[in-house]
């Protein structure tokens, strides 16, 4: 089935990116369609995979995770097997927010939130360098979050 986004679908996506807690009635009014139509279209956006999930964005400093750390990782080998083994292991670590396979000087970039530098030091020594195939890591402590988790431009 081919699903083509139209202006109404794009407007629904934009509005939900800005506020995922909009009620169906408020969303329908903002988009200019009936609540039944809005519900059907929003459900189709979920069903077709345009909307992956809706969740709360927690303020990191309120839950003692105010330090953001980016870690570049270089593996011993660049083989499909070593990448798969690393990815399987890293997916189990709850402190890793994002893991991206990248081109360039590193194989992966990890986004990690911790309470402070001591927290990161413990995690780094106990778990990061013990990940399978890790040859080198380079750590970047974020001094200021200028743009974080911005909505997609639609």
N, C-alpha and C. Protein backbone atom coordinates (compact mmCIF):
# COMPACT_ATOMS: atom_id res chain seq x y z
N UNK A 1 0.85 -1.19 0.00
CA UNK A 1 0.00 0.00 0.00
C UNK A 1 0.88 1.24 0.00
N UNK A 2 0.60 2.14 -0.90
CA UNK A 2 1.37 3.38 -0.97
C UNK A 2 0.63 4.47 -0.20
N UNK A 3 1.32 5.11 0.70
CA UNK A 3 0.72 6.14 1.54
C UNK A 3 1.38 7.46 1.19
N UNK A 4 0.62 8.39 0.66
CA UNK A 4 1.14 9.70 0.28
C UNK A 4 0.74 10.73 1.33
N UNK A 5 1.72 11.44 1.87
CA UNK A 5 1.41 12.51 2.82
C UNK A 5 0.85 13.71 2.08
N UNK A 6 -0.24 14.26 2.60
CA UNK A 6 -0.76 15.50 2.04
C UNK A 6 -0.57 16.62 3.07
N UNK A 7 -1.08 17.79 2.77
CA UNK A 7 -0.90 18.95 3.67
C UNK A 7 -1.47 18.70 5.06
N UNK A 8 -2.60 18.04 5.13
CA UNK A 8 -3.23 17.75 6.42
C UNK A 8 -2.35 16.82 7.25
N UNK A 9 -1.82 15.79 6.62
CA UNK A 9 -0.93 14.87 7.34
C UNK A 9 0.31 15.60 7.85
N UNK A 10 0.90 16.42 7.00
CA UNK A 10 2.09 17.17 7.40
C UNK A 10 1.78 18.11 8.56
N UNK A 11 0.60 18.74 8.53
CA UNK A 11 0.22 19.63 9.62
C UNK A 11 0.05 18.85 10.93
N UNK A 12 -0.56 17.66 10.83
CA UNK A 12 -0.70 16.81 12.02
C UNK A 12 0.68 16.47 12.58
N UNK A 13 1.60 16.07 11.71
CA UNK A 13 2.95 15.72 12.15
C UNK A 13 3.64 16.90 12.81
N UNK A 14 3.56 18.08 12.20
CA UNK A 14 4.20 19.28 12.78
C UNK A 14 3.63 19.59 14.16
N UNK A 15 2.32 19.56 14.27
CA UNK A 15 1.69 19.90 15.55
C UNK A 15 2.04 18.88 16.63
N UNK A 16 2.03 17.60 16.29
CA UNK A 16 2.37 16.58 17.29
C UNK A 16 3.83 16.62 17.68
N UNK A 17 4.72 17.02 16.76
CA UNK A 17 6.13 17.20 17.14
C UNK A 17 6.27 18.30 18.17
N UNK A 18 5.48 19.34 18.03
CA UNK A 18 5.54 20.46 18.98
C UNK A 18 4.90 20.14 20.31
N UNK A 19 3.84 19.32 20.28
CA UNK A 19 3.14 18.98 21.51
C UNK A 19 2.43 17.65 21.33
N UNK A 20 3.08 16.59 21.78
CA UNK A 20 2.52 15.25 21.65
C UNK A 20 1.34 14.98 22.55
N UNK A 21 1.02 15.94 23.43
CA UNK A 21 -0.11 15.77 24.35
C UNK A 21 -1.39 16.41 23.85
N UNK A 22 -1.37 16.96 22.63
CA UNK A 22 -2.60 17.54 22.08
C UNK A 22 -3.71 16.50 22.06
N UNK A 23 -4.87 16.89 22.51
CA UNK A 23 -6.01 15.97 22.41
C UNK A 23 -6.42 15.87 20.95
N UNK A 24 -7.12 14.81 20.62
CA UNK A 24 -7.59 14.64 19.25
C UNK A 24 -8.50 15.81 18.86
N UNK A 25 -9.34 16.26 19.78
CA UNK A 25 -10.25 17.38 19.49
C UNK A 25 -9.47 18.65 19.18
N UNK A 26 -8.44 18.96 20.00
CA UNK A 26 -7.63 20.16 19.76
C UNK A 26 -6.83 20.04 18.47
N UNK A 27 -6.30 18.86 18.21
CA UNK A 27 -5.54 18.63 16.99
C UNK A 27 -6.45 18.79 15.77
N UNK A 28 -7.63 18.22 15.83
CA UNK A 28 -8.58 18.33 14.72
C UNK A 28 -8.94 19.78 14.44
N UNK A 29 -9.17 20.55 15.51
CA UNK A 29 -9.52 21.96 15.35
C UNK A 29 -8.36 22.73 14.72
N UNK A 30 -7.13 22.47 15.17
CA UNK A 30 -5.96 23.17 14.64
C UNK A 30 -5.71 22.83 13.17
N UNK A 31 -6.02 21.60 12.80
CA UNK A 31 -5.80 21.14 11.42
C UNK A 31 -6.96 21.53 10.51
N UNK A 32 -8.14 21.68 11.10
CA UNK A 32 -9.30 22.06 10.30
C UNK A 32 -10.06 20.87 9.72
N UNK A 33 -10.09 19.77 10.48
CA UNK A 33 -10.85 18.59 10.07
C UNK A 33 -11.71 18.13 11.25
N UNK A 34 -12.62 17.20 10.99
CA UNK A 34 -13.44 16.68 12.08
C UNK A 34 -12.59 15.80 12.99
N UNK A 35 -13.02 15.65 14.25
CA UNK A 35 -12.28 14.75 15.15
C UNK A 35 -12.17 13.33 14.62
N UNK A 36 -13.22 12.81 13.99
CA UNK A 36 -13.18 11.45 13.45
C UNK A 36 -12.12 11.35 12.34
N UNK A 37 -12.11 12.32 11.45
CA UNK A 37 -11.11 12.34 10.37
C UNK A 37 -9.71 12.46 10.93
N UNK A 38 -9.55 13.32 11.93
CA UNK A 38 -8.23 13.53 12.55
C UNK A 38 -7.75 12.23 13.19
N UNK A 39 -8.63 11.55 13.90
CA UNK A 39 -8.26 10.30 14.56
C UNK A 39 -7.84 9.25 13.52
N UNK A 40 -8.61 9.14 12.46
CA UNK A 40 -8.31 8.17 11.41
C UNK A 40 -6.96 8.48 10.75
N UNK A 41 -6.71 9.76 10.48
CA UNK A 41 -5.45 10.14 9.83
C UNK A 41 -4.26 9.95 10.78
N UNK A 42 -4.43 10.29 12.04
CA UNK A 42 -3.35 10.11 13.01
C UNK A 42 -3.04 8.63 13.18
N UNK A 43 -4.07 7.81 13.24
CA UNK A 43 -3.86 6.36 13.35
C UNK A 43 -3.14 5.83 12.12
N UNK A 44 -3.47 6.34 10.95
CA UNK A 44 -2.79 5.92 9.72
C UNK A 44 -1.32 6.32 9.76
N UNK A 45 -1.02 7.49 10.32
CA UNK A 45 0.38 7.92 10.44
C UNK A 45 1.16 6.99 11.37
N UNK A 46 0.53 6.50 12.41
CA UNK A 46 1.16 5.49 13.27
C UNK A 46 1.32 4.18 12.51
N UNK A 47 0.24 3.73 11.88
CA UNK A 47 0.25 2.44 11.19
C UNK A 47 1.29 2.38 10.07
N UNK A 48 1.48 3.49 9.39
CA UNK A 48 2.42 3.54 8.26
C UNK A 48 3.86 3.85 8.71
N UNK A 49 4.06 4.04 10.03
CA UNK A 49 5.40 4.24 10.56
C UNK A 49 5.92 5.67 10.51
N UNK A 50 5.07 6.64 10.17
CA UNK A 50 5.51 8.03 10.16
C UNK A 50 5.70 8.54 11.59
N UNK A 51 4.85 8.09 12.49
CA UNK A 51 5.00 8.40 13.92
C UNK A 51 5.43 7.11 14.59
N UNK A 52 6.64 7.13 15.18
CA UNK A 52 7.17 5.93 15.81
C UNK A 52 6.61 5.73 17.21
N UNK A 53 6.51 6.82 17.97
CA UNK A 53 5.99 6.73 19.33
C UNK A 53 5.74 8.13 19.84
N UNK A 54 5.09 8.21 20.97
CA UNK A 54 4.87 9.48 21.66
C UNK A 54 5.36 9.27 23.08
N UNK A 55 6.23 10.16 23.55
CA UNK A 55 6.74 10.01 24.90
C UNK A 55 7.07 11.37 25.50
N UNK A 56 7.20 11.38 26.81
CA UNK A 56 7.55 12.60 27.52
C UNK A 56 9.05 12.86 27.40
N UNK A 57 9.42 14.11 27.27
CA UNK A 57 10.84 14.48 27.28
C UNK A 57 11.16 14.95 28.70
N UNK A 58 11.99 14.20 29.39
CA UNK A 58 12.34 14.46 30.78
C UNK A 58 13.47 15.48 30.83
N UNK A 59 13.41 16.42 31.76
CA UNK A 59 14.48 17.38 31.97
C UNK A 59 15.64 16.65 32.65
N UNK A 60 16.77 16.45 31.95
CA UNK A 60 17.87 15.65 32.50
C UNK A 60 18.36 16.12 33.87
N UNK A 61 18.46 17.42 34.07
CA UNK A 61 18.99 17.91 35.34
C UNK A 61 18.07 17.59 36.51
N UNK A 62 16.78 17.43 36.25
CA UNK A 62 15.82 17.12 37.31
C UNK A 62 15.95 15.69 37.81
N UNK A 63 16.56 14.82 37.01
CA UNK A 63 16.72 13.41 37.39
C UNK A 63 18.19 13.03 37.52
N UNK A 64 19.01 14.03 37.82
CA UNK A 64 20.45 13.85 38.06
C UNK A 64 21.20 13.24 36.88
N UNK A 65 20.83 13.70 35.69
CA UNK A 65 21.53 13.26 34.47
C UNK A 65 21.87 14.50 33.64
N UNK A 66 22.39 15.52 34.29
CA UNK A 66 22.62 16.81 33.65
C UNK A 66 23.86 16.89 32.78
N UNK A 67 24.77 15.93 32.86
CA UNK A 67 25.99 15.99 32.05
C UNK A 67 25.80 15.16 30.78
N UNK A 68 26.05 15.81 29.65
CA UNK A 68 25.93 15.14 28.35
C UNK A 68 27.33 14.86 27.83
N UNK A 69 27.54 13.63 27.39
CA UNK A 69 28.86 13.21 26.92
C UNK A 69 28.70 12.54 25.56
N UNK A 70 29.55 12.92 24.62
CA UNK A 70 29.61 12.25 23.32
C UNK A 70 30.91 11.45 23.30
N UNK A 71 30.83 10.22 22.84
CA UNK A 71 32.01 9.37 22.81
C UNK A 71 32.19 8.81 21.40
N UNK A 72 33.35 9.07 20.83
CA UNK A 72 33.72 8.46 19.55
C UNK A 72 34.39 7.14 19.83
N UNK A 73 34.01 6.11 19.09
CA UNK A 73 34.53 4.76 19.30
C UNK A 73 35.17 4.25 18.01
N UNK A 74 36.38 3.70 18.15
CA UNK A 74 37.05 3.03 17.04
C UNK A 74 37.16 1.56 17.41
N UNK A 75 36.74 0.68 16.49
CA UNK A 75 36.82 -0.76 16.73
C UNK A 75 38.13 -1.31 16.18
N UNK A 76 38.52 -2.49 16.69
CA UNK A 76 39.72 -3.19 16.23
C UNK A 76 39.65 -3.50 14.74
N UNK A 77 38.48 -3.99 14.32
CA UNK A 77 38.30 -4.42 12.93
C UNK A 77 37.05 -3.78 12.37
N UNK A 78 37.05 -3.58 11.07
CA UNK A 78 35.86 -3.05 10.37
C UNK A 78 35.24 -4.16 9.56
N UNK A 79 34.62 -5.09 10.26
CA UNK A 79 33.96 -6.20 9.58
C UNK A 79 32.49 -6.22 9.99
N UNK A 80 31.63 -6.77 9.16
CA UNK A 80 30.22 -6.86 9.54
C UNK A 80 30.02 -7.59 10.87
N UNK A 81 30.83 -8.60 11.12
CA UNK A 81 30.71 -9.36 12.37
C UNK A 81 31.08 -8.52 13.59
N UNK A 82 32.19 -7.76 13.48
CA UNK A 82 32.60 -6.94 14.63
C UNK A 82 31.60 -5.82 14.87
N UNK A 83 31.04 -5.25 13.80
CA UNK A 83 30.01 -4.22 13.97
C UNK A 83 28.78 -4.81 14.64
N UNK A 84 28.35 -5.98 14.19
CA UNK A 84 27.15 -6.62 14.76
C UNK A 84 27.35 -6.96 16.23
N UNK A 85 28.52 -7.46 16.58
CA UNK A 85 28.80 -7.81 17.97
C UNK A 85 28.80 -6.57 18.86
N UNK A 86 29.44 -5.51 18.38
CA UNK A 86 29.47 -4.25 19.13
C UNK A 86 28.05 -3.70 19.30
N UNK A 87 27.28 -3.66 18.23
CA UNK A 87 25.93 -3.09 18.27
C UNK A 87 25.02 -3.87 19.21
N UNK A 88 25.15 -5.17 19.21
CA UNK A 88 24.33 -6.00 20.11
C UNK A 88 24.67 -5.68 21.57
N UNK A 89 25.95 -5.54 21.87
CA UNK A 89 26.39 -5.25 23.24
C UNK A 89 25.99 -3.84 23.68
N UNK A 90 26.14 -2.87 22.79
CA UNK A 90 25.86 -1.48 23.16
C UNK A 90 24.35 -1.26 23.35
N UNK A 91 23.53 -2.02 22.62
CA UNK A 91 22.08 -1.89 22.75
C UNK A 91 21.57 -2.29 24.13
N UNK A 92 22.36 -3.06 24.86
CA UNK A 92 21.96 -3.52 26.21
C UNK A 92 22.28 -2.49 27.29
N UNK A 93 23.08 -1.47 26.98
CA UNK A 93 23.49 -0.49 27.99
C UNK A 93 22.49 0.65 28.08
N UNK A 94 21.81 0.74 29.19
CA UNK A 94 20.72 1.71 29.36
C UNK A 94 21.19 3.16 29.42
N UNK A 95 22.44 3.39 29.75
CA UNK A 95 22.93 4.77 29.85
C UNK A 95 23.24 5.39 28.49
N UNK A 96 23.24 4.59 27.43
CA UNK A 96 23.51 5.11 26.09
C UNK A 96 22.20 5.54 25.46
N UNK A 97 22.08 6.83 25.16
CA UNK A 97 20.87 7.36 24.56
C UNK A 97 20.82 7.12 23.07
N UNK A 98 21.97 7.29 22.41
CA UNK A 98 22.05 7.14 20.95
C UNK A 98 23.36 6.45 20.61
N UNK A 99 23.32 5.63 19.57
CA UNK A 99 24.52 5.01 19.03
C UNK A 99 24.40 5.07 17.51
N UNK A 100 25.39 5.70 16.87
CA UNK A 100 25.34 5.88 15.42
C UNK A 100 26.61 5.36 14.77
N UNK A 101 26.47 4.53 13.76
CA UNK A 101 27.58 4.12 12.92
C UNK A 101 27.87 5.30 12.00
N UNK A 102 29.14 5.74 11.97
CA UNK A 102 29.49 6.95 11.22
C UNK A 102 30.67 6.69 10.28
N UNK A 103 30.81 7.56 9.31
CA UNK A 103 31.98 7.54 8.43
C UNK A 103 32.97 8.56 8.96
N UNK A 104 34.24 8.32 8.76
CA UNK A 104 35.25 9.27 9.21
C UNK A 104 36.23 8.63 10.18
N UNK A 105 36.70 9.44 11.13
CA UNK A 105 37.74 8.99 12.06
C UNK A 105 37.26 7.95 13.07
N UNK A 106 35.96 7.88 13.31
CA UNK A 106 35.41 6.95 14.28
C UNK A 106 34.50 5.96 13.57
N UNK A 107 34.26 4.84 14.23
CA UNK A 107 33.26 3.90 13.72
C UNK A 107 31.87 4.23 14.25
N UNK A 108 31.80 4.65 15.51
CA UNK A 108 30.52 4.96 16.16
C UNK A 108 30.63 6.23 16.98
N UNK A 109 29.50 6.91 17.12
CA UNK A 109 29.36 7.99 18.10
C UNK A 109 28.26 7.58 19.07
N UNK A 110 28.55 7.72 20.35
CA UNK A 110 27.61 7.41 21.41
C UNK A 110 27.21 8.70 22.10
N UNK A 111 25.94 8.82 22.43
CA UNK A 111 25.43 9.95 23.21
C UNK A 111 25.03 9.38 24.56
N UNK A 112 25.61 9.93 25.61
CA UNK A 112 25.43 9.38 26.96
C UNK A 112 25.08 10.50 27.92
N UNK A 113 24.15 10.24 28.82
CA UNK A 113 23.81 11.21 29.89
C UNK A 113 24.22 10.60 31.22
N UNK A 114 24.91 11.39 32.02
CA UNK A 114 25.35 10.97 33.34
C UNK A 114 25.14 12.11 34.32
N UNK A 115 25.32 11.81 35.60
CA UNK A 115 25.16 12.85 36.62
C UNK A 115 26.32 13.83 36.63
N UNK A 116 27.53 13.30 36.50
CA UNK A 116 28.71 14.16 36.55
C UNK A 116 29.91 13.39 35.98
N UNK A 117 31.07 14.01 36.03
CA UNK A 117 32.27 13.42 35.46
C UNK A 117 32.66 12.12 36.18
N UNK A 118 32.46 12.06 37.48
CA UNK A 118 32.77 10.84 38.22
C UNK A 118 31.88 9.68 37.76
N UNK A 119 30.62 9.97 37.51
CA UNK A 119 29.70 8.97 36.96
C UNK A 119 30.24 8.43 35.64
N UNK A 120 30.63 9.35 34.76
CA UNK A 120 31.13 8.93 33.46
C UNK A 120 32.42 8.14 33.60
N UNK A 121 33.30 8.58 34.48
CA UNK A 121 34.57 7.89 34.69
C UNK A 121 34.34 6.43 35.09
N UNK A 122 33.38 6.21 35.97
CA UNK A 122 33.04 4.85 36.40
C UNK A 122 32.49 4.03 35.23
N UNK A 123 31.54 4.61 34.49
CA UNK A 123 30.94 3.91 33.34
C UNK A 123 32.00 3.61 32.29
N UNK A 124 32.86 4.58 32.02
CA UNK A 124 33.90 4.40 31.01
C UNK A 124 34.82 3.24 31.38
N UNK A 125 35.29 3.26 32.62
CA UNK A 125 36.22 2.23 33.07
C UNK A 125 35.61 0.85 33.21
N UNK A 126 34.35 0.82 33.64
CA UNK A 126 33.69 -0.48 33.89
C UNK A 126 33.03 -1.08 32.65
N UNK A 127 32.49 -0.23 31.78
CA UNK A 127 31.64 -0.78 30.73
C UNK A 127 32.01 -0.38 29.30
N UNK A 128 32.34 0.88 29.07
CA UNK A 128 32.59 1.30 27.69
C UNK A 128 33.83 0.65 27.08
N UNK A 129 34.95 0.71 27.78
CA UNK A 129 36.16 0.14 27.19
C UNK A 129 36.14 -1.39 27.18
N UNK A 130 35.18 -1.96 27.91
CA UNK A 130 35.03 -3.42 27.91
C UNK A 130 34.11 -3.91 26.80
N UNK A 131 33.52 -3.01 26.04
CA UNK A 131 32.65 -3.43 24.94
C UNK A 131 33.47 -4.21 23.92
N UNK A 132 32.87 -5.20 23.27
CA UNK A 132 33.62 -6.06 22.35
C UNK A 132 34.20 -5.28 21.16
N UNK A 133 35.49 -5.49 20.92
CA UNK A 133 36.14 -4.92 19.75
C UNK A 133 36.60 -3.48 19.87
N UNK A 134 36.43 -2.85 21.04
CA UNK A 134 36.80 -1.44 21.18
C UNK A 134 38.32 -1.31 21.25
N UNK A 135 38.86 -0.57 20.31
CA UNK A 135 40.30 -0.28 20.31
C UNK A 135 40.59 1.06 20.97
N UNK A 136 39.71 2.04 20.72
CA UNK A 136 39.96 3.40 21.22
C UNK A 136 38.64 4.12 21.41
N UNK A 137 38.61 4.99 22.43
CA UNK A 137 37.48 5.90 22.60
C UNK A 137 38.02 7.31 22.74
N UNK A 138 37.25 8.25 22.31
CA UNK A 138 37.57 9.66 22.53
C UNK A 138 36.32 10.33 23.07
N UNK A 139 36.47 11.00 24.19
CA UNK A 139 35.34 11.55 24.93
C UNK A 139 35.25 13.06 24.74
N UNK A 140 34.01 13.52 24.54
CA UNK A 140 33.72 14.95 24.39
C UNK A 140 32.65 15.31 25.41
N UNK A 141 33.00 16.14 26.39
CA UNK A 141 32.02 16.60 27.37
C UNK A 141 31.33 17.82 26.80
N UNK A 142 30.02 17.79 26.73
CA UNK A 142 29.24 18.89 26.16
C UNK A 142 29.18 20.02 27.17
N UNK A 143 29.63 21.19 26.76
CA UNK A 143 29.65 22.35 27.65
C UNK A 143 28.33 23.12 27.62
N UNK A 144 27.66 23.09 26.46
CA UNK A 144 26.39 23.80 26.32
C UNK A 144 25.58 23.11 25.24
N UNK A 145 24.33 22.81 25.54
CA UNK A 145 23.44 22.21 24.55
C UNK A 145 22.72 23.34 23.82
N UNK A 146 23.14 23.59 22.61
CA UNK A 146 22.59 24.70 21.84
C UNK A 146 21.27 24.28 21.19
N UNK A 147 21.26 23.15 20.50
CA UNK A 147 20.05 22.58 19.90
C UNK A 147 20.06 21.10 20.28
N UNK A 148 18.99 20.63 20.87
CA UNK A 148 18.91 19.22 21.25
C UNK A 148 17.52 18.71 20.94
N UNK A 149 17.47 17.64 20.17
CA UNK A 149 16.20 16.98 19.86
C UNK A 149 15.20 17.91 19.17
N UNK A 150 15.69 18.71 18.25
CA UNK A 150 14.82 19.63 17.52
C UNK A 150 13.84 18.84 16.66
N UNK A 151 12.64 19.39 16.44
CA UNK A 151 11.67 18.71 15.57
C UNK A 151 12.21 18.64 14.14
N UNK A 152 11.81 17.59 13.42
CA UNK A 152 12.19 17.48 12.01
C UNK A 152 11.50 18.58 11.21
N UNK A 153 12.19 19.12 10.24
CA UNK A 153 11.58 20.10 9.34
C UNK A 153 10.75 19.33 8.33
N UNK A 154 9.46 19.63 8.28
CA UNK A 154 8.54 18.93 7.37
C UNK A 154 7.97 19.89 6.35
